[in-house]
Amino acid sequence: MNLLFRLLLLFLTAPFRPRCEPLGPTRKRFRVWPPDLDVLLHVNNGVYLTMLDVARVDLLLRSGVGARLLRKGFYPVVAAETVRFRRSLQLFQAFEVETAIIGWDEKAFVIQHRFLRGAELVAEAIVRSRFLKRGGGSVGSKEILEIVGRSEPSPALPPWVEAWNQENSR
């Protein structure tokens, strides 16, 4: 239910937020609410993944890419993700999730999410995301890049992210 509330709020406020580039970066502000907590009274590790979903939808909405993909019947799915936790988030704390597409291969995009409390890095996630067609099948990265008016090759990924991406592309 928490995800639905956050998505509804995102859809209502997105038209009033500044536009962003299709590859980001963008920042989405959050606050820790009671349903986000685990028994140790800090944000549950699964809630981080939910917030990443909201942050990616924010990028799609604010860049205008989401509407273009919807018209073509394409939608994103998460193929793999990893999160590194550095600090805890406590009840009512405000923080931001910074989202940027940092690279791609033939099939998927690699997205970096950074949870920031002020200048402090709280957690960092790397996500491999693909696009599928409503009628079945997948959409290659090249086609998605053409839709957003980009044609450049992928930037080089940090070595550990490149190795992780290769391992998860099988």
N, C-alpha and C. Protein backbone atom coordinates (compact mmCIF):
# COMPACT_ATOMS: atom_id res chain seq x y z
N MET A 1 0.82 -1.19 0.00
CA MET A 1 0.00 0.00 0.00
C MET A 1 0.86 1.26 0.00
N ASN A 2 1.99 1.19 0.69
CA ASN A 2 2.89 2.33 0.74
C ASN A 2 3.36 2.70 -0.66
N LEU A 3 3.68 1.70 -1.50
CA LEU A 3 4.10 1.95 -2.87
C LEU A 3 2.99 2.66 -3.64
N LEU A 4 1.76 2.19 -3.50
CA LEU A 4 0.65 2.80 -4.23
C LEU A 4 0.46 4.26 -3.83
N PHE A 5 0.56 4.56 -2.54
CA PHE A 5 0.42 5.94 -2.08
C PHE A 5 1.54 6.82 -2.68
N ARG A 6 2.78 6.31 -2.64
CA ARG A 6 3.90 7.08 -3.17
C ARG A 6 3.78 7.27 -4.68
N LEU A 7 3.32 6.25 -5.40
CA LEU A 7 3.14 6.38 -6.85
C LEU A 7 2.03 7.36 -7.18
N LEU A 8 0.92 7.30 -6.45
CA LEU A 8 -0.17 8.25 -6.67
C LEU A 8 0.31 9.68 -6.45
N LEU A 9 1.02 9.90 -5.37
CA LEU A 9 1.56 11.22 -5.09
C LEU A 9 2.54 11.66 -6.19
N LEU A 10 3.33 10.73 -6.68
CA LEU A 10 4.27 11.04 -7.76
C LEU A 10 3.54 11.46 -9.02
N PHE A 11 2.51 10.70 -9.42
CA PHE A 11 1.75 11.05 -10.62
C PHE A 11 1.06 12.40 -10.49
N LEU A 12 0.60 12.73 -9.28
CA LEU A 12 -0.07 14.01 -9.07
C LEU A 12 0.90 15.18 -9.11
N THR A 13 2.13 14.98 -8.64
CA THR A 13 3.08 16.10 -8.54
C THR A 13 4.04 16.19 -9.73
N ALA A 14 4.19 15.13 -10.50
CA ALA A 14 5.17 15.12 -11.61
C ALA A 14 5.00 16.28 -12.58
N PRO A 15 3.77 16.66 -12.96
CA PRO A 15 3.64 17.78 -13.91
C PRO A 15 4.19 19.11 -13.39
N PHE A 16 4.34 19.23 -12.08
CA PHE A 16 4.81 20.48 -11.48
C PHE A 16 6.30 20.47 -11.16
N ARG A 17 6.94 19.33 -11.40
CA ARG A 17 8.38 19.22 -11.12
C ARG A 17 9.15 19.53 -12.38
N PRO A 18 10.40 19.99 -12.25
CA PRO A 18 11.18 20.33 -13.44
C PRO A 18 11.45 19.11 -14.31
N ARG A 19 11.52 19.34 -15.61
CA ARG A 19 11.85 18.28 -16.56
C ARG A 19 13.31 17.87 -16.35
N CYS A 20 13.65 16.68 -16.85
CA CYS A 20 15.01 16.20 -16.75
C CYS A 20 15.41 15.50 -18.05
N GLU A 21 16.68 15.24 -18.19
CA GLU A 21 17.19 14.53 -19.35
C GLU A 21 16.78 13.05 -19.28
N PRO A 22 16.61 12.39 -20.44
CA PRO A 22 16.19 10.99 -20.44
C PRO A 22 17.10 10.04 -19.67
N LEU A 23 18.40 10.35 -19.60
CA LEU A 23 19.32 9.48 -18.87
C LEU A 23 19.58 9.98 -17.45
N GLY A 24 18.94 11.06 -17.07
CA GLY A 24 19.14 11.63 -15.74
C GLY A 24 20.36 12.52 -15.73
N PRO A 25 20.83 12.90 -14.59
CA PRO A 25 20.35 12.48 -13.27
C PRO A 25 19.10 13.25 -12.85
N THR A 26 18.41 12.67 -11.92
CA THR A 26 17.27 13.31 -11.29
C THR A 26 17.29 12.96 -9.81
N ARG A 27 16.62 13.77 -9.02
CA ARG A 27 16.52 13.51 -7.58
C ARG A 27 15.07 13.52 -7.17
N LYS A 28 14.70 12.54 -6.35
CA LYS A 28 13.35 12.44 -5.82
C LYS A 28 13.44 12.45 -4.30
N ARG A 29 12.71 13.37 -3.70
CA ARG A 29 12.72 13.53 -2.24
C ARG A 29 11.72 12.56 -1.61
N PHE A 30 12.12 11.97 -0.50
CA PHE A 30 11.29 11.04 0.27
C PHE A 30 11.37 11.42 1.75
N ARG A 31 10.47 10.83 2.52
CA ARG A 31 10.51 10.91 3.97
C ARG A 31 10.20 9.51 4.50
N VAL A 32 10.83 9.14 5.59
CA VAL A 32 10.60 7.83 6.21
C VAL A 32 9.31 7.89 7.01
N TRP A 33 8.37 6.97 6.71
CA TRP A 33 7.09 6.89 7.42
C TRP A 33 7.03 5.58 8.20
N PRO A 34 6.16 5.48 9.19
CA PRO A 34 6.09 4.27 10.02
C PRO A 34 6.00 2.95 9.23
N PRO A 35 5.24 2.85 8.14
CA PRO A 35 5.20 1.56 7.43
C PRO A 35 6.53 1.17 6.78
N ASP A 36 7.48 2.10 6.69
CA ASP A 36 8.78 1.82 6.08
C ASP A 36 9.72 1.09 7.04
N LEU A 37 9.38 1.04 8.32
CA LEU A 37 10.30 0.55 9.34
C LEU A 37 10.21 -0.96 9.56
N ASP A 38 11.33 -1.52 9.99
CA ASP A 38 11.34 -2.93 10.39
C ASP A 38 11.33 -3.01 11.92
N VAL A 39 11.56 -4.19 12.47
CA VAL A 39 11.48 -4.36 13.92
C VAL A 39 12.59 -3.62 14.66
N LEU A 40 13.66 -3.25 13.96
CA LEU A 40 14.74 -2.48 14.58
C LEU A 40 14.54 -0.97 14.45
N LEU A 41 13.37 -0.59 13.91
CA LEU A 41 12.96 0.80 13.78
C LEU A 41 13.84 1.62 12.84
N HIS A 42 14.36 0.96 11.81
CA HIS A 42 14.97 1.69 10.70
C HIS A 42 14.36 1.16 9.41
N VAL A 43 14.64 1.82 8.28
CA VAL A 43 13.99 1.43 7.03
C VAL A 43 14.33 -0.02 6.69
N ASN A 44 13.29 -0.78 6.40
CA ASN A 44 13.42 -2.17 6.01
C ASN A 44 14.15 -2.26 4.67
N ASN A 45 15.03 -3.25 4.52
CA ASN A 45 15.81 -3.36 3.30
C ASN A 45 14.93 -3.50 2.05
N GLY A 46 13.79 -4.16 2.16
CA GLY A 46 12.90 -4.28 1.01
C GLY A 46 12.26 -2.97 0.61
N VAL A 47 12.07 -2.07 1.55
CA VAL A 47 11.49 -0.76 1.25
C VAL A 47 12.42 0.05 0.35
N TYR A 48 13.72 -0.13 0.51
CA TYR A 48 14.66 0.56 -0.37
C TYR A 48 14.36 0.23 -1.83
N LEU A 49 14.09 -1.04 -2.11
CA LEU A 49 13.80 -1.45 -3.48
C LEU A 49 12.52 -0.81 -4.00
N THR A 50 11.52 -0.69 -3.12
CA THR A 50 10.27 -0.03 -3.49
C THR A 50 10.52 1.43 -3.83
N MET A 51 11.35 2.10 -3.04
CA MET A 51 11.66 3.50 -3.32
C MET A 51 12.41 3.65 -4.63
N LEU A 52 13.22 2.65 -4.98
CA LEU A 52 13.92 2.68 -6.27
C LEU A 52 12.91 2.63 -7.42
N ASP A 53 11.86 1.83 -7.27
CA ASP A 53 10.81 1.78 -8.29
C ASP A 53 10.20 3.17 -8.49
N VAL A 54 9.89 3.83 -7.40
CA VAL A 54 9.30 5.17 -7.49
C VAL A 54 10.28 6.14 -8.14
N ALA A 55 11.55 6.07 -7.80
CA ALA A 55 12.56 6.96 -8.37
C ALA A 55 12.70 6.74 -9.88
N ARG A 56 12.62 5.48 -10.34
CA ARG A 56 12.70 5.23 -11.78
C ARG A 56 11.47 5.74 -12.51
N VAL A 57 10.30 5.58 -11.90
CA VAL A 57 9.08 6.14 -12.51
C VAL A 57 9.19 7.66 -12.58
N ASP A 58 9.76 8.28 -11.56
CA ASP A 58 9.98 9.73 -11.57
C ASP A 58 10.83 10.13 -12.77
N LEU A 59 11.91 9.40 -13.02
CA LEU A 59 12.77 9.68 -14.18
C LEU A 59 11.98 9.54 -15.48
N LEU A 60 11.20 8.48 -15.62
CA LEU A 60 10.43 8.28 -16.84
C LEU A 60 9.39 9.38 -17.05
N LEU A 61 8.71 9.79 -15.99
CA LEU A 61 7.69 10.82 -16.11
C LEU A 61 8.29 12.18 -16.42
N ARG A 62 9.29 12.57 -15.65
CA ARG A 62 9.85 13.93 -15.79
C ARG A 62 10.64 14.11 -17.07
N SER A 63 11.17 13.03 -17.63
CA SER A 63 11.91 13.14 -18.89
C SER A 63 10.98 13.09 -20.09
N GLY A 64 9.74 12.68 -19.89
CA GLY A 64 8.80 12.52 -20.99
C GLY A 64 8.93 11.19 -21.70
N VAL A 65 9.88 10.38 -21.30
CA VAL A 65 10.11 9.08 -21.95
C VAL A 65 8.97 8.11 -21.65
N GLY A 66 8.42 8.16 -20.46
CA GLY A 66 7.35 7.24 -20.08
C GLY A 66 6.17 7.29 -21.04
N ALA A 67 5.74 8.47 -21.40
CA ALA A 67 4.59 8.62 -22.31
C ALA A 67 4.91 8.04 -23.69
N ARG A 68 6.12 8.28 -24.19
CA ARG A 68 6.51 7.74 -25.50
C ARG A 68 6.55 6.22 -25.49
N LEU A 69 7.07 5.65 -24.41
CA LEU A 69 7.15 4.19 -24.31
C LEU A 69 5.76 3.58 -24.20
N LEU A 70 4.90 4.22 -23.44
CA LEU A 70 3.53 3.74 -23.26
C LEU A 70 2.79 3.69 -24.60
N ARG A 71 2.96 4.73 -25.42
CA ARG A 71 2.32 4.77 -26.74
C ARG A 71 2.77 3.60 -27.62
N LYS A 72 4.01 3.17 -27.47
CA LYS A 72 4.54 2.06 -28.26
C LYS A 72 4.25 0.70 -27.63
N GLY A 73 3.71 0.70 -26.42
CA GLY A 73 3.41 -0.56 -25.74
C GLY A 73 4.63 -1.18 -25.08
N PHE A 74 5.63 -0.36 -24.74
CA PHE A 74 6.84 -0.85 -24.08
C PHE A 74 6.77 -0.53 -22.59
N TYR A 75 7.33 -1.40 -21.78
CA TYR A 75 7.38 -1.14 -20.34
C TYR A 75 8.67 -1.72 -19.75
N PRO A 76 9.19 -1.07 -18.71
CA PRO A 76 10.45 -1.53 -18.10
C PRO A 76 10.23 -2.60 -17.04
N VAL A 77 11.21 -3.48 -16.92
CA VAL A 77 11.23 -4.48 -15.85
C VAL A 77 12.64 -4.54 -15.29
N VAL A 78 12.73 -4.89 -14.03
CA VAL A 78 14.03 -5.05 -13.39
C VAL A 78 14.52 -6.46 -13.66
N ALA A 79 15.74 -6.57 -14.18
CA ALA A 79 16.35 -7.87 -14.46
C ALA A 79 17.28 -8.30 -13.32
N ALA A 80 17.92 -7.32 -12.68
CA ALA A 80 18.82 -7.62 -11.56
C ALA A 80 19.04 -6.33 -10.78
N GLU A 81 19.34 -6.47 -9.50
CA GLU A 81 19.67 -5.30 -8.69
C GLU A 81 20.51 -5.72 -7.50
N THR A 82 21.34 -4.78 -7.07
CA THR A 82 22.15 -5.00 -5.89
C THR A 82 22.18 -3.69 -5.12
N VAL A 83 22.17 -3.81 -3.79
CA VAL A 83 22.16 -2.62 -2.93
C VAL A 83 23.28 -2.76 -1.91
N ARG A 84 23.98 -1.64 -1.69
CA ARG A 84 25.00 -1.57 -0.65
C ARG A 84 24.51 -0.54 0.38
N PHE A 85 24.35 -0.99 1.61
CA PHE A 85 23.86 -0.12 2.68
C PHE A 85 25.04 0.41 3.48
N ARG A 86 25.03 1.73 3.76
CA ARG A 86 26.12 2.35 4.50
C ARG A 86 25.66 2.94 5.83
N ARG A 87 24.45 3.49 5.86
CA ARG A 87 23.89 4.12 7.06
C ARG A 87 22.42 3.72 7.16
N SER A 88 21.82 3.95 8.31
CA SER A 88 20.39 3.68 8.50
C SER A 88 19.59 4.95 8.28
N LEU A 89 18.36 4.75 7.85
CA LEU A 89 17.39 5.84 7.78
C LEU A 89 16.37 5.60 8.88
N GLN A 90 16.07 6.65 9.66
CA GLN A 90 15.19 6.55 10.82
C GLN A 90 13.85 7.25 10.53
N LEU A 91 12.90 7.00 11.39
CA LEU A 91 11.55 7.55 11.27
C LEU A 91 11.57 9.07 11.06
N PHE A 92 10.82 9.52 10.09
CA PHE A 92 10.59 10.92 9.73
C PHE A 92 11.80 11.62 9.09
N GLN A 93 12.91 10.91 8.91
CA GLN A 93 14.04 11.55 8.24
C GLN A 93 13.71 11.80 6.77
N ALA A 94 14.16 12.94 6.27
CA ALA A 94 14.03 13.25 4.85
C ALA A 94 15.32 12.82 4.17
N PHE A 95 15.19 12.39 2.92
CA PHE A 95 16.34 12.00 2.12
C PHE A 95 15.95 12.07 0.65
N GLU A 96 16.92 11.96 -0.22
CA GLU A 96 16.67 11.98 -1.66
C GLU A 96 17.26 10.73 -2.29
N VAL A 97 16.65 10.32 -3.39
CA VAL A 97 17.22 9.26 -4.21
C VAL A 97 17.62 9.90 -5.54
N GLU A 98 18.91 9.84 -5.81
CA GLU A 98 19.45 10.34 -7.07
C GLU A 98 19.50 9.17 -8.05
N THR A 99 18.98 9.37 -9.25
CA THR A 99 18.86 8.31 -10.24
C THR A 99 19.52 8.75 -11.54
N ALA A 100 20.35 7.87 -12.11
CA ALA A 100 20.97 8.16 -13.41
C ALA A 100 21.22 6.85 -14.14
N ILE A 101 21.02 6.87 -15.44
CA ILE A 101 21.39 5.73 -16.28
C ILE A 101 22.86 5.91 -16.59
N ILE A 102 23.67 4.95 -16.16
CA ILE A 102 25.12 5.11 -16.29
C ILE A 102 25.72 4.28 -17.42
N GLY A 103 24.90 3.46 -18.06
CA GLY A 103 25.40 2.68 -19.18
C GLY A 103 24.35 1.71 -19.70
N TRP A 104 24.71 0.98 -20.75
CA TRP A 104 23.80 0.02 -21.34
C TRP A 104 24.57 -0.97 -22.19
N ASP A 105 23.89 -2.07 -22.50
CA ASP A 105 24.40 -3.03 -23.46
C ASP A 105 23.29 -3.24 -24.49
N GLU A 106 23.34 -4.29 -25.27
CA GLU A 106 22.34 -4.50 -26.33
C GLU A 106 20.94 -4.71 -25.78
N LYS A 107 20.84 -5.27 -24.58
CA LYS A 107 19.54 -5.68 -24.04
C LYS A 107 19.01 -4.81 -22.91
N ALA A 108 19.89 -4.18 -22.14
CA ALA A 108 19.43 -3.56 -20.90
C ALA A 108 20.21 -2.29 -20.57
N PHE A 109 19.62 -1.54 -19.64
CA PHE A 109 20.23 -0.31 -19.13
C PHE A 109 20.71 -0.55 -17.70
N VAL A 110 21.81 0.09 -17.35
CA VAL A 110 22.34 0.01 -16.00
C VAL A 110 22.06 1.35 -15.33
N ILE A 111 21.37 1.30 -14.21
CA ILE A 111 20.93 2.49 -13.49
C ILE A 111 21.59 2.54 -12.13
N GLN A 112 22.09 3.71 -11.79
CA GLN A 112 22.67 3.92 -10.46
C GLN A 112 21.70 4.76 -9.64
N HIS A 113 21.40 4.29 -8.45
CA HIS A 113 20.57 5.03 -7.49
C HIS A 113 21.44 5.29 -6.27
N ARG A 114 21.39 6.52 -5.77
CA ARG A 114 22.11 6.87 -4.55
C ARG A 114 21.13 7.49 -3.57
N PHE A 115 21.05 6.90 -2.37
CA PHE A 115 20.23 7.44 -1.29
C PHE A 115 21.10 8.45 -0.55
N LEU A 116 20.64 9.70 -0.51
CA LEU A 116 21.42 10.77 0.09
C LEU A 116 20.63 11.46 1.19
N ARG A 117 21.26 11.62 2.34
CA ARG A 117 20.71 12.41 3.44
C ARG A 117 21.63 13.61 3.54
N GLY A 118 21.21 14.71 2.92
CA GLY A 118 22.12 15.84 2.76
C GLY A 118 23.23 15.40 1.82
N ALA A 119 24.47 15.59 2.23
CA ALA A 119 25.62 15.16 1.42
C ALA A 119 26.06 13.73 1.76
N GLU A 120 25.44 13.13 2.78
CA GLU A 120 25.85 11.81 3.24
C GLU A 120 25.23 10.70 2.40
N LEU A 121 26.06 9.79 1.91
CA LEU A 121 25.59 8.62 1.17
C LEU A 121 25.08 7.58 2.15
N VAL A 122 23.80 7.25 2.04
CA VAL A 122 23.16 6.28 2.94
C VAL A 122 23.20 4.88 2.33
N ALA A 123 22.89 4.79 1.05
CA ALA A 123 22.89 3.50 0.35
C ALA A 123 23.07 3.77 -1.13
N GLU A 124 23.51 2.74 -1.83
CA GLU A 124 23.72 2.86 -3.27
C GLU A 124 23.22 1.57 -3.91
N ALA A 125 22.52 1.70 -5.04
CA ALA A 125 22.00 0.54 -5.74
C ALA A 125 22.38 0.61 -7.21
N ILE A 126 22.61 -0.56 -7.78
CA ILE A 126 22.81 -0.69 -9.22
C ILE A 126 21.71 -1.61 -9.71
N VAL A 127 21.02 -1.19 -10.78
CA VAL A 127 19.88 -1.92 -11.30
C VAL A 127 20.09 -2.17 -12.79
N ARG A 128 19.81 -3.38 -13.22
CA ARG A 128 19.80 -3.73 -14.64
C ARG A 128 18.34 -3.80 -15.05
N SER A 129 17.94 -2.96 -16.00
CA SER A 129 16.54 -2.86 -16.40
C SER A 129 16.40 -3.07 -17.90
N ARG A 130 15.44 -3.90 -18.26
CA ARG A 130 15.13 -4.18 -19.67
C ARG A 130 13.76 -3.64 -20.00
N PHE A 131 13.44 -3.62 -21.28
CA PHE A 131 12.12 -3.21 -21.73
C PHE A 131 11.46 -4.36 -22.47
N LEU A 132 10.18 -4.55 -22.18
CA LEU A 132 9.40 -5.59 -22.83
C LEU A 132 8.26 -4.95 -23.61
N LYS A 133 7.69 -5.73 -24.54
CA LYS A 133 6.54 -5.29 -25.34
C LYS A 133 5.27 -5.88 -24.75
N ARG A 134 4.21 -5.10 -24.71
CA ARG A 134 2.93 -5.59 -24.18
C ARG A 134 2.47 -6.84 -24.93
N GLY A 135 2.75 -6.91 -26.22
CA GLY A 135 2.33 -8.06 -27.01
C GLY A 135 3.26 -9.25 -26.91
N GLY A 136 4.33 -9.11 -26.15
CA GLY A 136 5.31 -10.18 -26.00
C GLY A 136 6.63 -9.82 -26.65
N GLY A 137 7.70 -10.32 -26.09
CA GLY A 137 9.03 -10.06 -26.62
C GLY A 137 9.71 -8.91 -25.89
N SER A 138 10.95 -8.69 -26.27
CA SER A 138 11.73 -7.63 -25.63
C SER A 138 12.11 -6.56 -26.63
N VAL A 139 12.56 -5.44 -26.10
CA VAL A 139 12.97 -4.30 -26.90
C VAL A 139 14.44 -4.05 -26.61
N GLY A 140 15.26 -3.95 -27.63
CA GLY A 140 16.68 -3.69 -27.44
C GLY A 140 16.95 -2.26 -27.01
N SER A 141 18.09 -2.07 -26.39
CA SER A 141 18.48 -0.74 -25.91
C SER A 141 18.59 0.27 -27.04
N LYS A 142 19.07 -0.17 -28.19
CA LYS A 142 19.22 0.74 -29.33
C LYS A 142 17.88 1.36 -29.72
N GLU A 143 16.82 0.55 -29.73
CA GLU A 143 15.50 1.07 -30.07
C GLU A 143 15.00 2.07 -29.03
N ILE A 144 15.24 1.80 -27.77
CA ILE A 144 14.84 2.74 -26.71
C ILE A 144 15.62 4.04 -26.85
N LEU A 145 16.93 3.94 -27.11
CA LEU A 145 17.75 5.15 -27.28
C LEU A 145 17.26 5.97 -28.47
N GLU A 146 16.87 5.32 -29.56
CA GLU A 146 16.34 6.05 -30.72
C GLU A 146 15.07 6.81 -30.36
N ILE A 147 14.21 6.21 -29.54
CA ILE A 147 12.97 6.86 -29.12
C ILE A 147 13.27 8.15 -28.36
N VAL A 148 14.35 8.16 -27.58
CA VAL A 148 14.68 9.36 -26.80
C VAL A 148 15.68 10.27 -27.52
N GLY A 149 15.99 9.94 -28.77
CA GLY A 149 16.85 10.81 -29.57
C GLY A 149 18.32 10.72 -29.22
N ARG A 150 18.76 9.56 -28.80
CA ARG A 150 20.17 9.37 -28.43
C ARG A 150 20.75 8.26 -29.32
N SER A 151 22.04 8.39 -29.65
CA SER A 151 22.66 7.37 -30.49
C SER A 151 24.09 7.04 -30.05
N GLU A 152 24.57 7.72 -29.02
CA GLU A 152 25.95 7.52 -28.59
C GLU A 152 26.17 6.14 -27.98
N PRO A 153 27.39 5.66 -28.00
CA PRO A 153 27.67 4.39 -27.33
C PRO A 153 27.59 4.57 -25.81
N SER A 154 27.46 3.46 -25.13
CA SER A 154 27.39 3.49 -23.68
C SER A 154 28.69 4.04 -23.09
N PRO A 155 28.58 4.86 -22.06
CA PRO A 155 29.79 5.23 -21.32
C PRO A 155 30.39 3.98 -20.67
N ALA A 156 31.68 4.04 -20.41
CA ALA A 156 32.33 2.92 -19.72
C ALA A 156 31.79 2.83 -18.30
N LEU A 157 31.48 1.63 -17.89
CA LEU A 157 31.02 1.39 -16.52
C LEU A 157 32.21 1.17 -15.61
N PRO A 158 32.10 1.49 -14.32
CA PRO A 158 33.17 1.11 -13.39
C PRO A 158 33.41 -0.40 -13.50
N PRO A 159 34.65 -0.84 -13.34
CA PRO A 159 34.95 -2.26 -13.54
C PRO A 159 34.06 -3.23 -12.76
N TRP A 160 33.77 -2.96 -11.50
CA TRP A 160 32.94 -3.89 -10.74
C TRP A 160 31.51 -3.92 -11.27
N VAL A 161 31.00 -2.76 -11.75
CA VAL A 161 29.65 -2.71 -12.31
C VAL A 161 29.63 -3.45 -13.65
N GLU A 162 30.67 -3.28 -14.46
CA GLU A 162 30.77 -4.00 -15.73
C GLU A 162 30.76 -5.51 -15.50
N ALA A 163 31.53 -5.98 -14.53
CA ALA A 163 31.57 -7.42 -14.22
C ALA A 163 30.19 -7.89 -13.72
N TRP A 164 29.56 -7.12 -12.86
CA TRP A 164 28.23 -7.44 -12.35
C TRP A 164 27.23 -7.49 -13.49
N ASN A 165 27.28 -6.50 -14.39
CA ASN A 165 26.35 -6.45 -15.52
C ASN A 165 26.54 -7.65 -16.44
N GLN A 166 27.81 -8.00 -16.73
CA GLN A 166 28.08 -9.17 -17.57
C GLN A 166 27.53 -10.44 -16.94
N GLU A 167 27.74 -10.59 -15.65
CA GLU A 167 27.25 -11.79 -14.95
C GLU A 167 25.72 -11.86 -14.98
N ASN A 168 25.06 -10.72 -14.92
CA ASN A 168 23.61 -10.70 -14.89
C ASN A 168 22.97 -10.62 -16.27
N SER A 169 23.76 -10.60 -17.33
CA SER A 169 23.20 -10.53 -18.68
C SER A 169 23.02 -11.92 -19.29
N ARG A 170 23.39 -12.94 -18.56
CA ARG A 170 23.26 -14.32 -19.09
C ARG A 170 21.86 -14.82 -19.02
